């Protein structure tokens, strides 16, 4: 079976490559993937595959049924791009100003298209059915996964397990990575508005300085993760945006801060939200000002089912060779596939796409991010093989 899947992945490589380059050149932002969906649906129709249902307007599902009883395996790929101006000089560079597939979703979607072809052509070799989920809006709250779940995608298909892959420039093309159990962090967005009384910088006694309040808030909040959170629990609280709009001699009346909270425990996450609010409000009050706290709860932490992931590691080792299957560490980044992983036994793994010799080593979300496109062959073949092995096991 391995040799058959590898042959089909190679046979379909050029078409998958063409799809990937088309998507890369024509990126669309979260929940705006209308042309992306139209293009992919047209391809699937040409291959004799029907769209089962549309979800969240730009998402859709395809069901490939073997006609034999068995499990249901769901396989997900995301479709959206990022608001980044591409700086990589490639022939298929983005033609959409200020939009770029800088997180590899073009790879994910094109690989799932290849998987569709492989599964369609091998239905006689496996049992049960595969549900292919083309999901919009991974990069933007509340996340396309959560909305698809709200619309009933899990109730409709009731998958026994789910699979997803994500590009990983830290690994060279040819390698993949897995981690059982907790893998990626929850992610919340924090918006603070510190209100004081502006005035002349040389007359601070006449003002209520929101700059000083904001500085005190930032410094005090850092002690939450170092002195309040359990030391065994990874936690990150970072602020990446501060807007004061004063001047060298002008104290503004308002300062706005934006940051993120990442952790791996829902109980502690709720406590952290409460303490952030208490600290911000109390510091502002002590200085004579106020602070408006807006915490937007984002994706939960992603957990890889141990049995599903350990089986996937065995299958991947058989398909690629043990030396090409690497362990992964906890990661503080977030992923909305976590919503699926919280409800269905799942395996979310990493696909190596780097190539240092060719200078393909930029991280995701970088304006010069690129991938070694040879990884597409493995991205298609391995995912199809994992699905088939899980269906037949």
Protein backbone atom coordinates (compact mmCIF):
# COMPACT_ATOMS: atom_id res chain seq x y z
CA UNK A 1 0.00 0.00 0.00
CA UNK A 2 2.86 2.37 0.80
CA UNK A 3 4.33 2.07 -2.68
CA UNK A 4 0.93 2.65 -4.27
CA UNK A 5 0.33 5.83 -2.25
CA UNK A 6 3.83 7.11 -2.99
CA UNK A 7 3.32 6.49 -6.70
CA UNK A 8 0.00 8.36 -6.68
CA UNK A 9 1.48 11.27 -4.70
CA UNK A 10 4.26 11.55 -7.25
CA UNK A 11 1.84 11.19 -10.15
CA UNK A 12 -0.30 14.06 -8.85
CA UNK A 13 2.61 16.27 -7.77
CA UNK A 14 2.58 18.65 -10.74
CA UNK A 15 -1.14 19.31 -10.41
CA UNK A 16 -0.87 19.88 -6.66
CA UNK A 17 2.06 22.22 -7.31
CA UNK A 18 -0.03 24.17 -9.82
CA UNK A 19 -2.84 24.49 -7.27
CA UNK A 20 -0.45 25.63 -4.56
CA UNK A 21 1.07 28.32 -6.78
CA UNK A 22 -2.33 29.55 -7.90
CA UNK A 23 -3.48 29.89 -4.29
CA UNK A 24 -0.23 31.58 -3.31
CA UNK A 25 -0.56 34.11 -6.10
CA UNK A 26 -4.21 34.84 -5.27
CA UNK A 27 -4.47 35.00 -1.47
CA UNK A 28 -7.65 35.99 0.35
CA UNK A 29 -8.02 37.02 3.97
CA UNK A 30 -10.00 35.24 6.67
CA UNK A 31 -13.68 34.67 5.85
CA UNK A 32 -13.13 36.28 2.43
CA UNK A 33 -11.98 33.11 0.62
CA UNK A 34 -14.70 33.23 -2.05
CA UNK A 35 -12.48 32.89 -5.13
CA UNK A 36 -10.28 30.35 -3.34
CA UNK A 37 -13.30 28.15 -2.63
CA UNK A 38 -14.66 28.61 -6.14
CA UNK A 39 -11.34 27.58 -7.66
CA UNK A 40 -10.96 24.48 -5.48
CA UNK A 41 -14.57 23.40 -5.99
CA UNK A 42 -14.13 23.67 -9.74
CA UNK A 43 -11.07 21.42 -9.60
CA UNK A 44 -12.86 18.87 -7.46
CA UNK A 45 -15.80 18.86 -9.86
CA UNK A 46 -13.45 18.22 -12.78
CA UNK A 47 -12.13 15.19 -10.86
CA UNK A 48 -15.63 13.80 -10.36
CA UNK A 49 -15.88 14.76 -6.70
CA UNK A 50 -18.98 16.53 -5.36
CA UNK A 51 -19.16 19.17 -2.66
CA UNK A 52 -21.19 17.71 0.19
CA UNK A 53 -21.99 20.98 1.97
CA UNK A 54 -20.90 24.61 2.33
CA UNK A 55 -20.01 25.95 5.77
CA UNK A 56 -19.46 29.51 7.02
CA UNK A 57 -19.97 30.73 3.42
CA UNK A 58 -16.43 30.07 2.17
CA UNK A 59 -15.76 26.67 3.75
CA UNK A 60 -16.91 23.35 2.38
CA UNK A 61 -16.70 19.59 2.87
CA UNK A 62 -16.17 16.66 0.54
CA UNK A 63 -17.09 13.09 1.48
CA UNK A 64 -15.24 10.16 -0.06
CA UNK A 65 -17.02 6.94 0.88
CA UNK A 66 -15.51 3.52 0.27
CA UNK A 67 -18.96 1.96 0.26
CA UNK A 68 -17.83 -0.38 3.02
CA UNK A 69 -18.62 -0.11 6.74
CA UNK A 70 -15.98 1.35 8.97
CA UNK A 71 -14.72 4.47 10.68
CA UNK A 72 -15.06 8.10 9.66
CA UNK A 73 -11.81 10.03 9.47
CA UNK A 74 -11.99 13.80 9.02
CA UNK A 75 -9.04 15.65 7.47
CA UNK A 76 -8.84 19.42 7.70
CA UNK A 77 -7.01 22.15 5.79
CA UNK A 78 -7.36 25.92 6.22
CA UNK A 79 -7.76 28.38 3.35
CA UNK A 80 -7.03 31.93 4.51
CA UNK A 81 -4.02 34.19 4.03
CA UNK A 82 -2.55 36.97 6.18
CA UNK A 83 -2.53 40.79 5.84
CA UNK A 84 1.18 40.85 4.96
CA UNK A 85 2.87 42.40 1.92
CA UNK A 86 4.94 39.69 0.27
CA UNK A 87 8.62 40.48 -0.29
CA UNK A 88 9.77 37.12 -1.66
CA UNK A 89 10.67 37.46 -5.34
CA UNK A 90 9.15 34.32 -6.83
CA UNK A 91 7.31 33.89 -10.13
CA UNK A 92 4.07 33.15 -8.30
CA UNK A 93 4.36 36.12 -5.91
CA UNK A 94 1.08 37.42 -4.49
CA UNK A 95 -0.76 39.79 -6.83
CA UNK A 96 -3.10 40.89 -4.03
CA UNK A 97 -1.63 44.01 -2.43
CA UNK A 98 -1.04 43.56 1.28
CA UNK A 99 -2.12 39.90 1.31
CA UNK A 100 0.09 36.83 1.47
CA UNK A 101 0.02 33.13 2.23
CA UNK A 102 2.70 33.59 4.87
CA UNK A 103 1.52 30.72 7.08
CA UNK A 104 1.39 27.95 4.51
CA UNK A 105 -2.35 27.55 4.20
CA UNK A 106 -1.87 27.36 0.43
CA UNK A 107 0.24 24.27 1.09
CA UNK A 108 -2.37 22.80 3.43
CA UNK A 109 -5.21 23.31 0.96
CA UNK A 110 -3.33 22.05 -2.09
CA UNK A 111 -2.14 18.98 -0.19
CA UNK A 112 -5.70 18.17 0.85
CA UNK A 113 -6.71 18.47 -2.80
CA UNK A 114 -4.06 15.89 -3.62
CA UNK A 115 -5.30 13.70 -0.78
CA UNK A 116 -8.79 13.89 -2.29
CA UNK A 117 -7.48 12.47 -5.57
CA UNK A 118 -5.49 9.72 -3.87
CA UNK A 119 -8.36 8.62 -1.63
CA UNK A 120 -10.80 8.75 -4.54
CA UNK A 121 -8.53 6.52 -6.61
CA UNK A 122 -7.91 3.99 -3.82
CA UNK A 123 -11.44 3.48 -2.43
CA UNK A 124 -11.20 -0.24 -3.05
CA UNK A 125 -8.26 -0.44 -0.63
CA UNK A 126 -9.85 0.99 2.49
CA UNK A 127 -12.97 0.89 4.65
CA UNK A 128 -15.32 3.55 5.98
CA UNK A 129 -15.28 7.12 4.74
CA UNK A 130 -13.10 10.21 4.69
CA UNK A 131 -14.50 13.69 5.24
CA UNK A 132 -12.31 16.46 3.82
CA UNK A 133 -12.82 19.78 5.59
CA UNK A 134 -11.74 22.93 3.75
CA UNK A 135 -11.97 25.49 6.54
CA UNK A 136 -12.03 29.29 6.31
CA UNK A 137 -10.77 31.86 8.78
CA UNK A 138 -8.09 30.12 10.86
CA UNK A 139 -6.17 33.37 11.36
CA UNK A 140 -8.99 35.48 12.76
CA UNK A 141 -11.15 35.22 15.88
CA UNK A 142 -13.46 33.48 16.53
CA UNK A 143 -11.83 31.03 14.12
CA UNK A 144 -13.46 29.16 11.29
CA UNK A 145 -13.22 25.86 13.19
CA UNK A 146 -15.43 27.14 16.01
CA UNK A 147 -17.99 28.47 13.53
CA UNK A 148 -18.10 25.22 11.56
CA UNK A 149 -18.64 23.35 14.82
CA UNK A 150 -21.45 25.77 15.73
CA UNK A 151 -23.04 25.12 12.35
CA UNK A 152 -22.99 21.38 13.07
CA UNK A 153 -20.11 19.91 11.10
CA UNK A 154 -19.19 17.44 13.84
CA UNK A 155 -22.80 16.42 14.48
CA UNK A 156 -23.32 15.76 10.79
CA UNK A 157 -20.26 13.60 10.15
CA UNK A 158 -19.45 12.32 13.68
CA UNK A 159 -15.80 11.58 12.90
CA UNK A 160 -14.02 8.93 14.93
CA UNK A 161 -10.79 10.90 14.62
CA UNK A 162 -9.35 13.95 12.88
CA UNK A 163 -6.07 14.74 11.17
CA UNK A 164 -4.41 18.00 10.16
CA UNK A 165 -0.92 19.05 9.13
CA UNK A 166 0.87 22.39 9.29
CA UNK A 167 3.99 23.62 7.54
CA UNK A 168 7.10 23.73 9.71
CA UNK A 169 10.09 25.63 8.27
CA UNK A 170 12.17 24.58 11.27
CA UNK A 171 12.36 21.10 9.71
CA UNK A 172 13.89 20.40 6.32
CA UNK A 173 11.53 19.11 3.66
CA UNK A 174 11.31 15.34 4.02
CA UNK A 175 10.88 15.42 7.80
CA UNK A 176 7.69 15.51 9.88
CA UNK A 177 7.05 16.06 13.58
CA UNK A 178 4.58 14.77 16.16
CA UNK A 179 3.77 15.37 19.82
CA UNK A 180 1.24 13.43 21.88
CA UNK A 181 -0.88 15.21 24.48
CA UNK A 182 -0.92 18.97 24.99
CA UNK A 183 0.89 20.67 22.13
CA UNK A 184 -0.18 24.29 21.42
CA UNK A 185 -1.35 27.04 23.76
CA UNK A 186 -4.65 28.80 24.18
CA UNK A 187 -4.62 32.38 22.91
CA UNK A 188 -6.49 35.43 24.18
CA UNK A 189 -6.35 39.01 22.95
CA UNK A 190 -6.04 41.76 25.57
CA UNK A 191 -7.09 45.34 24.88
CA UNK A 192 -6.52 47.96 27.58
CA UNK A 193 -7.59 51.60 27.48
CA UNK A 194 -5.89 53.65 30.21
CA UNK A 195 -7.66 56.96 30.82
CA UNK A 196 -6.18 59.93 32.61
CA UNK A 197 -6.01 63.71 32.17
CA UNK A 198 -3.66 65.14 29.58
CA UNK A 199 -1.74 68.36 29.64
CA UNK A 200 1.68 70.01 29.45
CA UNK A 201 4.61 67.67 30.09
CA UNK A 202 6.31 70.34 32.20
CA UNK A 203 3.31 70.54 34.55
CA UNK A 204 2.73 66.89 35.55
CA UNK A 205 1.08 67.92 38.86
CA UNK A 206 -1.85 69.28 36.83
CA UNK A 207 -2.34 66.01 34.94
CA UNK A 208 -3.20 62.37 35.51
CA UNK A 209 -0.54 60.66 33.44
CA UNK A 210 -1.78 57.56 31.54
CA UNK A 211 1.75 56.86 30.29
CA UNK A 212 2.95 56.24 33.83
CA UNK A 213 -0.17 54.20 34.59
CA UNK A 214 0.34 52.09 31.47
CA UNK A 215 3.99 51.47 32.36
CA UNK A 216 3.03 50.39 35.88
CA UNK A 217 0.34 48.08 34.51
CA UNK A 218 2.75 46.40 32.08
CA UNK A 219 5.39 45.83 34.73
CA UNK A 220 2.94 44.57 37.33
CA UNK A 221 1.21 42.19 34.93
CA UNK A 222 4.52 40.47 34.20
CA UNK A 223 4.59 39.16 37.76
CA UNK A 224 1.40 37.19 37.10
CA UNK A 225 3.22 34.53 35.10
CA UNK A 226 6.33 34.53 37.31
CA UNK A 227 4.78 34.80 40.78
CA UNK A 228 1.12 33.81 40.56
CA UNK A 229 0.96 31.14 37.87
CA UNK A 230 2.22 27.69 38.89
CA UNK A 231 5.90 27.46 37.87
CA UNK A 232 5.20 24.16 36.11
CA UNK A 233 2.60 25.78 33.84
CA UNK A 234 3.98 27.53 30.74
CA UNK A 235 2.41 30.97 30.48
CA UNK A 236 3.19 33.95 28.25
CA UNK A 237 1.79 37.46 28.58
CA UNK A 238 3.13 39.89 25.99
CA UNK A 239 2.16 43.39 24.87
CA UNK A 240 3.04 44.26 21.31
CA UNK A 241 1.28 47.56 20.80
CA UNK A 242 1.20 50.80 22.85
CA UNK A 243 -0.37 53.99 21.53
CA UNK A 244 -0.07 57.20 23.54
CA UNK A 245 -0.15 59.92 20.86
CA UNK A 246 1.44 62.52 23.09
CA UNK A 247 4.64 64.44 22.34
CA UNK A 248 7.90 65.38 24.04
CA UNK A 249 6.04 67.99 26.06
CA UNK A 250 2.47 66.66 25.81
CA UNK A 251 0.98 64.12 28.19
CA UNK A 252 -1.96 62.43 26.45
CA UNK A 253 -5.31 61.74 28.08
CA UNK A 254 -5.41 58.14 26.88
CA UNK A 255 -3.07 55.24 26.25
CA UNK A 256 -4.13 52.04 24.48
CA UNK A 257 -2.35 48.72 24.86
CA UNK A 258 -2.79 45.46 22.99
CA UNK A 259 -1.35 42.12 24.00
CA UNK A 260 -1.79 38.37 24.12
CA UNK A 261 -2.08 35.71 26.81
CA UNK A 262 -1.01 32.10 26.14
CA UNK A 263 -1.30 29.13 28.49
CA UNK A 264 -2.31 25.46 28.73
CA UNK A 265 -4.83 25.26 31.55
CA UNK A 266 -8.45 26.43 31.36
CA UNK A 267 -8.84 26.94 35.11
CA UNK A 268 -5.71 29.08 35.33
CA UNK A 269 -6.70 30.89 32.14
CA UNK A 270 -9.93 32.08 33.81
CA UNK A 271 -8.05 33.15 36.94
CA UNK A 272 -5.55 35.08 34.84
CA UNK A 273 -8.37 36.97 33.12
CA UNK A 274 -9.77 37.99 36.51
CA UNK A 275 -6.40 39.06 37.89
CA UNK A 276 -5.56 41.11 34.79
CA UNK A 277 -8.78 43.05 35.25
CA UNK A 278 -8.20 43.56 38.98
CA UNK A 279 -4.59 44.73 38.56
CA UNK A 280 -5.32 47.12 35.71
CA UNK A 281 -8.28 48.72 37.43
CA UNK A 282 -6.55 49.02 40.80
CA UNK A 283 -3.34 50.56 39.42
CA UNK A 284 -5.28 53.09 37.38
CA UNK A 285 -7.43 53.98 40.40
CA UNK A 286 -4.35 54.43 42.59
CA UNK A 287 -3.06 57.03 40.10
CA UNK A 288 -6.41 58.79 39.87
CA UNK A 289 -7.34 57.37 36.49
CA UNK A 290 -9.32 54.46 35.09
CA UNK A 291 -8.62 51.46 32.91
CA UNK A 292 -11.09 49.77 30.58
CA UNK A 293 -10.21 46.07 30.20
CA UNK A 294 -11.37 44.09 27.15
CA UNK A 295 -10.21 40.45 27.10
CA UNK A 296 -11.32 38.56 24.01
CA UNK A 297 -11.17 34.85 24.63
CA UNK A 298 -9.54 33.10 21.71
CA UNK A 299 -8.65 29.55 20.78
CA UNK A 300 -8.35 26.85 23.46
CA UNK A 301 -5.17 24.81 23.86
CA UNK A 302 -4.59 22.08 21.29
CA UNK A 303 -4.36 18.51 22.54
CA UNK A 304 -3.25 15.56 20.43
CA UNK A 305 -4.99 12.34 21.42
CA UNK A 306 -2.29 9.98 22.67
CA UNK A 307 -3.55 6.79 21.00
CA UNK A 308 -4.29 8.54 17.69
CA UNK A 309 -0.94 10.32 17.65
CA UNK A 310 1.13 7.31 18.67
CA UNK A 311 -0.51 5.28 15.91
CA UNK A 312 0.17 8.13 13.45
CA UNK A 313 3.85 8.12 14.46
CA UNK A 314 4.05 4.39 13.72
CA UNK A 315 2.35 4.86 10.36
CA UNK A 316 4.58 7.82 9.46
CA UNK A 317 7.70 5.89 10.46
CA UNK A 318 6.64 3.07 8.17
CA UNK A 319 5.89 5.43 5.28
CA UNK A 320 8.92 7.74 5.56
CA UNK A 321 11.40 5.86 7.73
CA UNK A 322 11.92 6.41 11.46
CA UNK A 323 14.82 8.78 10.87
CA UNK A 324 12.48 11.28 9.19
CA UNK A 325 9.95 11.40 12.03
CA UNK A 326 10.91 13.86 14.79
CA UNK A 327 9.47 14.67 18.24
CA UNK A 328 8.03 18.14 18.85
CA UNK A 329 8.09 20.32 21.96
CA UNK A 330 5.34 22.41 23.56
CA UNK A 331 4.60 25.46 21.43
CA UNK A 332 3.17 28.76 22.68
CA UNK A 333 1.61 29.62 19.33
CA UNK A 334 -2.09 28.89 18.83
CA UNK A 335 -4.21 27.16 16.22
CA UNK A 336 -7.98 27.00 15.85
CA UNK A 337 -7.82 23.26 15.03
CA UNK A 338 -7.74 23.14 18.85
CA UNK A 339 -11.54 23.45 18.80
CA UNK A 340 -11.74 20.17 16.89
CA UNK A 341 -9.10 18.53 19.10
CA UNK A 342 -11.12 19.35 22.21
CA UNK A 343 -14.07 17.32 20.90
CA UNK A 344 -12.65 14.61 18.63
CA UNK A 345 -9.55 12.39 19.09
CA UNK A 346 -7.07 14.22 16.88
CA UNK A 347 -3.54 14.32 15.53
CA UNK A 348 -2.14 17.68 14.43
CA UNK A 349 1.37 17.21 13.08
CA UNK A 350 4.08 19.23 11.36
CA UNK A 351 5.30 19.03 7.76
CA UNK A 352 8.89 20.07 7.18
CA UNK A 353 9.17 22.65 4.38
CA UNK A 354 12.58 24.22 4.99
CA UNK A 355 15.71 24.04 2.85
CA UNK A 356 18.63 25.99 4.28
CA UNK A 357 20.83 25.34 1.24
CA UNK A 358 18.27 27.15 -0.92
CA UNK A 359 17.76 29.91 1.66
CA UNK A 360 14.26 28.69 2.51
CA UNK A 361 14.47 29.28 6.25
CA UNK A 362 12.13 32.17 7.09
CA UNK A 363 9.55 31.61 9.80
CA UNK A 364 5.82 31.64 9.21
CA UNK A 365 4.27 35.13 9.15
CA UNK A 366 7.49 36.53 7.64
CA UNK A 367 7.07 38.61 4.43
CA UNK A 368 9.71 36.45 2.72
CA UNK A 369 8.33 33.11 3.92
CA UNK A 370 8.58 30.37 1.32
CA UNK A 371 8.56 26.58 1.26
CA UNK A 372 10.54 23.87 -0.46
CA UNK A 373 7.78 22.70 -2.76
CA UNK A 374 9.17 19.15 -2.76
CA UNK A 375 7.35 18.89 0.58
CA UNK A 376 4.03 18.82 -1.29
CA UNK A 377 4.64 15.24 -2.36
CA UNK A 378 5.09 14.13 1.24
CA UNK A 379 2.24 16.37 2.38
CA UNK A 380 -0.13 14.53 0.04
CA UNK A 381 1.23 11.01 0.37
CA UNK A 382 1.69 10.88 4.11
CA UNK A 383 -1.69 12.40 4.92
CA UNK A 384 -3.47 10.00 2.57
CA UNK A 385 -1.50 7.08 4.03
CA UNK A 386 -2.31 8.11 7.62
CA UNK A 387 -5.99 8.38 6.80
CA UNK A 388 -6.07 4.96 5.11
CA UNK A 389 -4.13 3.28 7.91
CA UNK A 390 -6.44 4.73 10.54
CA UNK A 391 -9.50 3.69 8.52
CA UNK A 392 -8.23 0.14 8.16
CA UNK A 393 -6.89 -0.30 11.68
